[in-house]
Amino acid sequence: MTTLVVERTLKSEATDKEPFMRELTTDERQELRRELGAVAADWAQRLDNSGVDAGGSAAAALARMAAAEQMRRVLADLVSASAEEAVQHGAGYPELGAAVGASRQAARKRWPGLSYRRRASEWKQPPGGIGWASSQAGGTGPFSGT
């Protein structure tokens, strides 16, 4: 019941644009889980200092768990880097939220300041510097250059 309410809320808050990606089907989700599980098992073997076999022991499961946790951190970094890149190409918080299935407000909370950084990088210095406008108007004061 709660999931249904959340899904309806997200759909009502979404922008008029089409979703960036469709949701995975159940089969696709299972396939991705198998593939990621194999990657985690491979990295667990690479990173394990004790030489634990990839079999069914608790140590092997804990090694896969540790590797999967490190993968989660790397994927979180990748998501954040992609969000930053999207903002550099003109995306705003509504688009960031839609890309991860969240609201604009949730995206703003997750990546604070991204939109600000984009605006700051687009700001251009006026000709003649900051005092240019007031000196052209014949003004006096700290910004007039007189």
Protein backbone atom coordinates (compact mmCIF):
# COMPACT_ATOMS: atom_id res chain seq x y z
CA MET A 1 0.00 0.00 0.00
CA THR A 2 2.74 2.48 0.97
CA THR A 3 4.73 1.67 -2.16
CA LEU A 4 1.68 2.44 -4.31
CA VAL A 5 1.21 5.82 -2.64
CA VAL A 6 4.90 6.68 -3.12
CA GLU A 7 4.80 5.65 -6.79
CA ARG A 8 1.71 7.77 -7.41
CA THR A 9 3.29 10.74 -5.64
CA LEU A 10 6.48 10.42 -7.68
CA LYS A 11 4.49 10.19 -10.90
CA SER A 12 2.49 13.30 -10.01
CA GLU A 13 5.70 15.23 -9.21
CA ALA A 14 7.51 14.12 -12.37
CA THR A 15 8.13 16.58 -15.16
CA ASP A 16 6.23 16.45 -18.43
CA LYS A 17 9.22 14.82 -20.10
CA GLU A 18 9.45 11.11 -20.76
CA PRO A 19 11.40 9.06 -18.18
CA PHE A 20 15.12 8.77 -18.87
CA MET A 21 15.03 4.99 -18.66
CA ARG A 22 12.33 2.43 -18.29
CA GLU A 23 12.20 0.28 -15.16
CA LEU A 24 13.89 -3.11 -15.25
CA THR A 25 11.64 -6.10 -15.75
CA THR A 26 11.74 -8.85 -13.15
CA ASP A 27 13.87 -11.00 -15.46
CA GLU A 28 16.26 -8.13 -16.17
CA ARG A 29 16.58 -7.37 -12.47
CA GLN A 30 17.44 -11.02 -11.76
CA GLU A 31 19.97 -11.06 -14.59
CA LEU A 32 21.62 -7.87 -13.34
CA ARG A 33 21.71 -9.28 -9.82
CA ARG A 34 23.45 -12.44 -11.07
CA GLU A 35 25.98 -10.42 -13.06
CA LEU A 36 26.72 -8.07 -10.16
CA GLY A 37 26.97 -11.05 -7.82
CA ALA A 38 29.59 -12.58 -10.11
CA VAL A 39 31.52 -9.29 -10.16
CA ALA A 40 31.37 -9.10 -6.36
CA ALA A 41 32.61 -12.69 -6.07
CA ASP A 42 35.48 -11.95 -8.46
CA TRP A 43 36.50 -8.84 -6.52
CA ALA A 44 36.16 -10.69 -3.22
CA GLN A 45 38.72 -13.21 -4.47
CA ARG A 46 41.02 -10.44 -5.71
CA LEU A 47 40.89 -8.48 -2.46
CA ASP A 48 40.86 -11.36 0.02
CA ASN A 49 44.18 -11.73 1.81
CA SER A 50 43.38 -15.07 3.43
CA GLY A 51 42.98 -17.04 0.19
CA VAL A 52 39.43 -18.17 1.09
CA ASP A 53 37.86 -20.31 -1.58
CA ALA A 54 34.81 -18.83 -3.34
CA GLY A 55 32.75 -21.76 -2.03
CA GLY A 56 29.89 -21.73 0.42
CA SER A 57 31.68 -20.79 3.65
CA ALA A 58 30.80 -17.90 5.93
CA ALA A 59 34.20 -16.34 5.19
CA ALA A 60 33.50 -16.41 1.45
CA ALA A 61 30.06 -14.86 1.97
CA LEU A 62 31.56 -12.14 4.17
CA ALA A 63 34.24 -11.44 1.54
CA ARG A 64 31.53 -11.09 -1.16
CA MET A 65 29.57 -8.85 1.19
CA ALA A 66 32.60 -6.60 1.77
CA ALA A 67 33.30 -6.44 -1.97
CA ALA A 68 29.65 -5.62 -2.71
CA GLU A 69 29.74 -2.81 -0.14
CA GLN A 70 32.82 -1.35 -1.83
CA MET A 71 31.00 -1.64 -5.17
CA ARG A 72 28.05 0.26 -3.66
CA ARG A 73 30.37 3.11 -2.68
CA VAL A 74 31.94 3.23 -6.14
CA LEU A 75 28.48 3.23 -7.76
CA ALA A 76 27.36 6.06 -5.45
CA ASP A 77 30.41 8.06 -6.54
CA LEU A 78 29.53 7.31 -10.17
CA VAL A 79 25.95 8.52 -9.65
CA SER A 80 27.18 11.76 -8.06
CA ALA A 81 29.72 12.35 -10.83
CA SER A 82 27.00 11.74 -13.42
CA ALA A 83 24.71 14.22 -11.64
CA GLU A 84 27.46 16.83 -11.69
CA GLU A 85 28.07 16.20 -15.39
CA ALA A 86 24.34 16.44 -16.15
CA VAL A 87 24.19 19.82 -14.38
CA GLN A 88 27.16 21.04 -16.41
CA HIS A 89 25.16 20.18 -19.52
CA GLY A 90 22.11 22.11 -18.34
CA ALA A 91 20.06 19.69 -16.24
CA GLY A 92 18.34 20.97 -13.13
CA TYR A 93 17.05 19.37 -9.95
CA PRO A 94 13.76 18.20 -11.55
CA GLU A 95 15.71 16.21 -14.15
CA LEU A 96 18.19 14.85 -11.59
CA GLY A 97 15.31 13.68 -9.41
CA ALA A 98 13.49 12.09 -12.34
CA ALA A 99 16.64 10.20 -13.33
CA VAL A 100 16.82 8.50 -9.92
CA GLY A 101 13.08 8.17 -9.32
CA ALA A 102 12.89 10.97 -6.76
CA SER A 103 11.40 14.44 -6.45
CA ARG A 104 13.14 17.71 -7.23
CA GLN A 105 13.35 18.36 -3.49
CA ALA A 106 14.98 15.00 -2.84
CA ALA A 107 17.54 15.67 -5.59
CA ARG A 108 18.31 19.06 -4.07
CA LYS A 109 18.84 17.45 -0.67
CA ARG A 110 21.01 14.68 -2.15
CA TRP A 111 23.19 17.02 -4.26
CA PRO A 112 23.11 20.43 -2.57
CA GLY A 113 24.77 23.25 -4.42
CA LEU A 114 25.01 21.60 -7.84
CA SER A 115 22.70 24.13 -9.47
CA TYR A 116 24.54 26.96 -7.72
CA ARG A 117 27.88 25.75 -9.11
CA ARG A 118 26.45 25.75 -12.61
CA ARG A 119 25.13 29.31 -12.25
CA ALA A 120 28.42 30.49 -10.76
CA SER A 121 30.40 28.98 -13.63
CA GLU A 122 28.11 30.69 -16.16
CA TRP A 123 28.48 34.14 -14.55
CA LYS A 124 30.49 36.51 -16.66
CA GLN A 125 32.46 39.53 -15.47
CA PRO A 126 31.09 42.71 -17.09
CA PRO A 127 33.46 44.69 -19.30
CA GLY A 128 35.61 46.96 -17.16
CA GLY A 129 35.15 44.93 -13.97
CA ILE A 130 32.64 45.30 -11.14
CA GLY A 131 32.87 49.10 -11.01
CA TRP A 132 32.02 49.36 -14.71
CA ALA A 133 28.27 49.90 -14.31
CA SER A 134 28.46 52.67 -11.75
CA SER A 135 31.34 54.49 -13.48
CA GLN A 136 29.35 54.51 -16.74
CA ALA A 137 26.43 56.04 -14.88
CA GLY A 138 28.70 58.74 -13.48
CA GLY A 139 28.23 57.49 -9.93
CA THR A 140 30.58 57.78 -7.04
CA GLY A 141 31.35 55.38 -4.28
CA PRO A 142 33.31 52.23 -3.67
CA PHE A 143 32.37 50.69 -7.02
CA SER A 144 32.59 53.75 -9.23
CA GLY A 145 36.35 53.70 -9.63
CA THR A 146 36.66 57.30 -8.36
